[in-house]
């Protein structure tokens, strides 16, 4: 097993901190009685686009944090096993906020964001590995 450098350890810690802060902000934002609208800053975006983007970000950060030593399929399964149930929980728990409603279409938008991040990971992974292996010999 290769030794981790100080830079790698810093990257792991940074990724974990970013994920924790993002996840807290995501939970807080999705459970606010009156969440801020992107239209307030001049951005016209559907509620579904917000859900897609939020869970795309969550899944992307999970791919950054979850170790991939046992291969990409296991990493994908771990991320999906964390993100999809959380998307369902997040949507379900909004029903306990008086001004929020549970919407199955929001859950679908969440899952599509997770799926998009998964596809991006699967496409970029071999490219990054090829690039890293070439830079090792230069």
Protein backbone atom coordinates (compact mmCIF):
# COMPACT_ATOMS: atom_id res chain seq x y z
CA UNK A 1 0.00 0.00 0.00
CA UNK A 2 1.55 3.34 -1.01
CA UNK A 3 2.33 5.89 1.67
CA UNK A 4 0.23 9.03 1.74
CA UNK A 5 2.10 12.29 1.43
CA UNK A 6 1.34 15.37 3.49
CA UNK A 7 -0.32 16.88 0.42
CA UNK A 8 -2.59 13.83 0.05
CA UNK A 9 -3.54 13.91 3.71
CA UNK A 10 -4.29 17.64 3.44
CA UNK A 11 -6.45 16.96 0.36
CA UNK A 12 -8.39 14.25 2.16
CA UNK A 13 -9.01 16.49 5.15
CA UNK A 14 -9.95 19.44 2.93
CA UNK A 15 -12.37 17.30 0.92
CA UNK A 16 -14.01 16.02 4.08
CA UNK A 17 -14.39 19.53 5.52
CA UNK A 18 -15.84 20.87 2.27
CA UNK A 19 -18.30 17.96 2.14
CA UNK A 20 -19.43 18.51 5.74
CA UNK A 21 -19.96 22.25 5.24
CA UNK A 22 -21.77 21.67 1.93
CA UNK A 23 -24.02 18.98 3.42
CA UNK A 24 -24.97 21.20 6.38
CA UNK A 25 -25.73 24.08 4.00
CA UNK A 26 -27.76 21.74 1.77
CA UNK A 27 -29.83 20.42 4.66
CA UNK A 28 -30.34 23.92 6.05
CA UNK A 29 -31.32 25.32 2.66
CA UNK A 30 -33.79 22.57 1.88
CA UNK A 31 -35.50 22.90 5.26
CA UNK A 32 -35.81 26.68 5.48
CA UNK A 33 -39.45 27.81 5.67
CA UNK A 34 -38.81 30.44 2.97
CA UNK A 35 -35.60 29.59 1.12
CA UNK A 36 -33.94 32.39 -0.85
CA UNK A 37 -34.87 32.39 -4.51
CA UNK A 38 -32.23 32.63 -7.26
CA UNK A 39 -34.53 35.20 -8.88
CA UNK A 40 -33.56 37.55 -6.02
CA UNK A 41 -30.09 37.84 -7.59
CA UNK A 42 -31.34 37.89 -11.17
CA UNK A 43 -31.08 34.18 -11.98
CA UNK A 44 -34.14 32.50 -13.44
CA UNK A 45 -33.97 28.84 -12.45
CA UNK A 46 -36.63 26.23 -11.93
CA UNK A 47 -37.00 24.57 -8.56
CA UNK A 48 -36.00 21.33 -10.29
CA UNK A 49 -32.75 22.88 -11.55
CA UNK A 50 -31.92 23.87 -7.97
CA UNK A 51 -32.55 20.30 -6.78
CA UNK A 52 -30.49 18.85 -9.65
CA UNK A 53 -27.59 21.22 -8.99
CA UNK A 54 -27.61 20.74 -5.22
CA UNK A 55 -27.46 16.95 -5.42
CA UNK A 56 -24.99 17.02 -8.32
CA UNK A 57 -22.72 18.96 -5.95
CA UNK A 58 -23.32 16.54 -3.09
CA UNK A 59 -22.54 13.49 -5.22
CA UNK A 60 -19.46 15.16 -6.72
CA UNK A 61 -18.10 15.87 -3.26
CA UNK A 62 -18.88 12.31 -2.18
CA UNK A 63 -16.85 11.01 -5.16
CA UNK A 64 -14.00 13.22 -3.97
CA UNK A 65 -14.17 11.91 -0.39
CA UNK A 66 -15.05 8.20 -0.71
CA UNK A 67 -11.86 6.17 -1.17
CA UNK A 68 -11.58 4.21 -4.40
CA UNK A 69 -8.99 1.60 -3.44
CA UNK A 70 -11.36 -1.26 -4.13
CA UNK A 71 -12.26 -0.10 -7.61
CA UNK A 72 -14.63 2.32 -9.30
CA UNK A 73 -17.71 0.07 -9.16
CA UNK A 74 -17.55 -0.22 -5.39
CA UNK A 75 -17.03 3.54 -5.09
CA UNK A 76 -20.07 4.20 -7.29
CA UNK A 77 -22.17 1.80 -5.24
CA UNK A 78 -21.09 3.44 -1.97
CA UNK A 79 -21.85 6.94 -3.25
CA UNK A 80 -25.24 5.86 -4.62
CA UNK A 81 -26.01 4.03 -1.36
CA UNK A 82 -25.39 7.28 0.53
CA UNK A 83 -26.77 9.91 -1.86
CA UNK A 84 -30.03 8.36 -3.10
CA UNK A 85 -31.43 7.45 0.34
CA UNK A 86 -30.38 10.88 1.59
CA UNK A 87 -32.23 12.50 -1.35
CA UNK A 88 -35.34 10.55 -0.35
CA UNK A 89 -34.92 11.46 3.33
CA UNK A 90 -34.32 15.10 2.47
CA UNK A 91 -37.47 15.33 0.39
CA UNK A 92 -39.57 13.39 2.91
CA UNK A 93 -38.37 15.47 5.86
CA UNK A 94 -39.40 18.69 4.15
CA UNK A 95 -42.97 17.64 4.92
CA UNK A 96 -42.31 18.55 8.56
CA UNK A 97 -41.62 22.20 7.64
CA UNK A 98 -44.91 24.11 7.62
CA UNK A 99 -44.33 26.04 4.39
CA UNK A 100 -42.61 23.22 2.45
CA UNK A 101 -44.16 20.32 0.61
CA UNK A 102 -42.96 16.88 -0.40
CA UNK A 103 -42.72 16.54 -4.18
CA UNK A 104 -41.75 13.29 -5.89
CA UNK A 105 -40.55 15.30 -8.90
CA UNK A 106 -38.03 17.04 -6.63
CA UNK A 107 -36.73 13.62 -5.59
CA UNK A 108 -36.40 12.67 -9.28
CA UNK A 109 -34.45 15.91 -9.91
CA UNK A 110 -32.21 15.04 -6.94
CA UNK A 111 -31.55 11.58 -8.37
CA UNK A 112 -30.85 12.98 -11.84
CA UNK A 113 -28.22 15.27 -10.30
CA UNK A 114 -26.66 12.28 -8.56
CA UNK A 115 -26.75 10.29 -11.80
CA UNK A 116 -25.12 13.13 -13.75
CA UNK A 117 -22.30 13.34 -11.20
CA UNK A 118 -21.88 9.56 -11.40
CA UNK A 119 -21.64 9.65 -15.20
CA UNK A 120 -19.16 12.52 -15.01
CA UNK A 121 -17.05 10.54 -12.51
CA UNK A 122 -17.09 7.45 -14.73
CA UNK A 123 -16.09 9.46 -17.81
CA UNK A 124 -13.37 11.54 -16.14
CA UNK A 125 -11.84 8.78 -14.02
CA UNK A 126 -9.94 7.01 -16.83
CA UNK A 127 -8.85 10.35 -18.32
CA UNK A 128 -7.41 11.49 -14.98
CA UNK A 129 -5.67 8.14 -14.43
CA UNK A 130 -4.10 8.29 -17.90
CA UNK A 131 -2.97 11.88 -17.31
CA UNK A 132 -1.48 11.01 -13.91
CA UNK A 133 0.37 7.98 -15.27
CA UNK A 134 1.88 10.06 -18.10
CA UNK A 135 3.00 12.82 -15.73
CA UNK A 136 4.74 10.23 -13.53
CA UNK A 137 7.16 9.42 -16.37
CA UNK A 138 7.88 12.99 -17.49
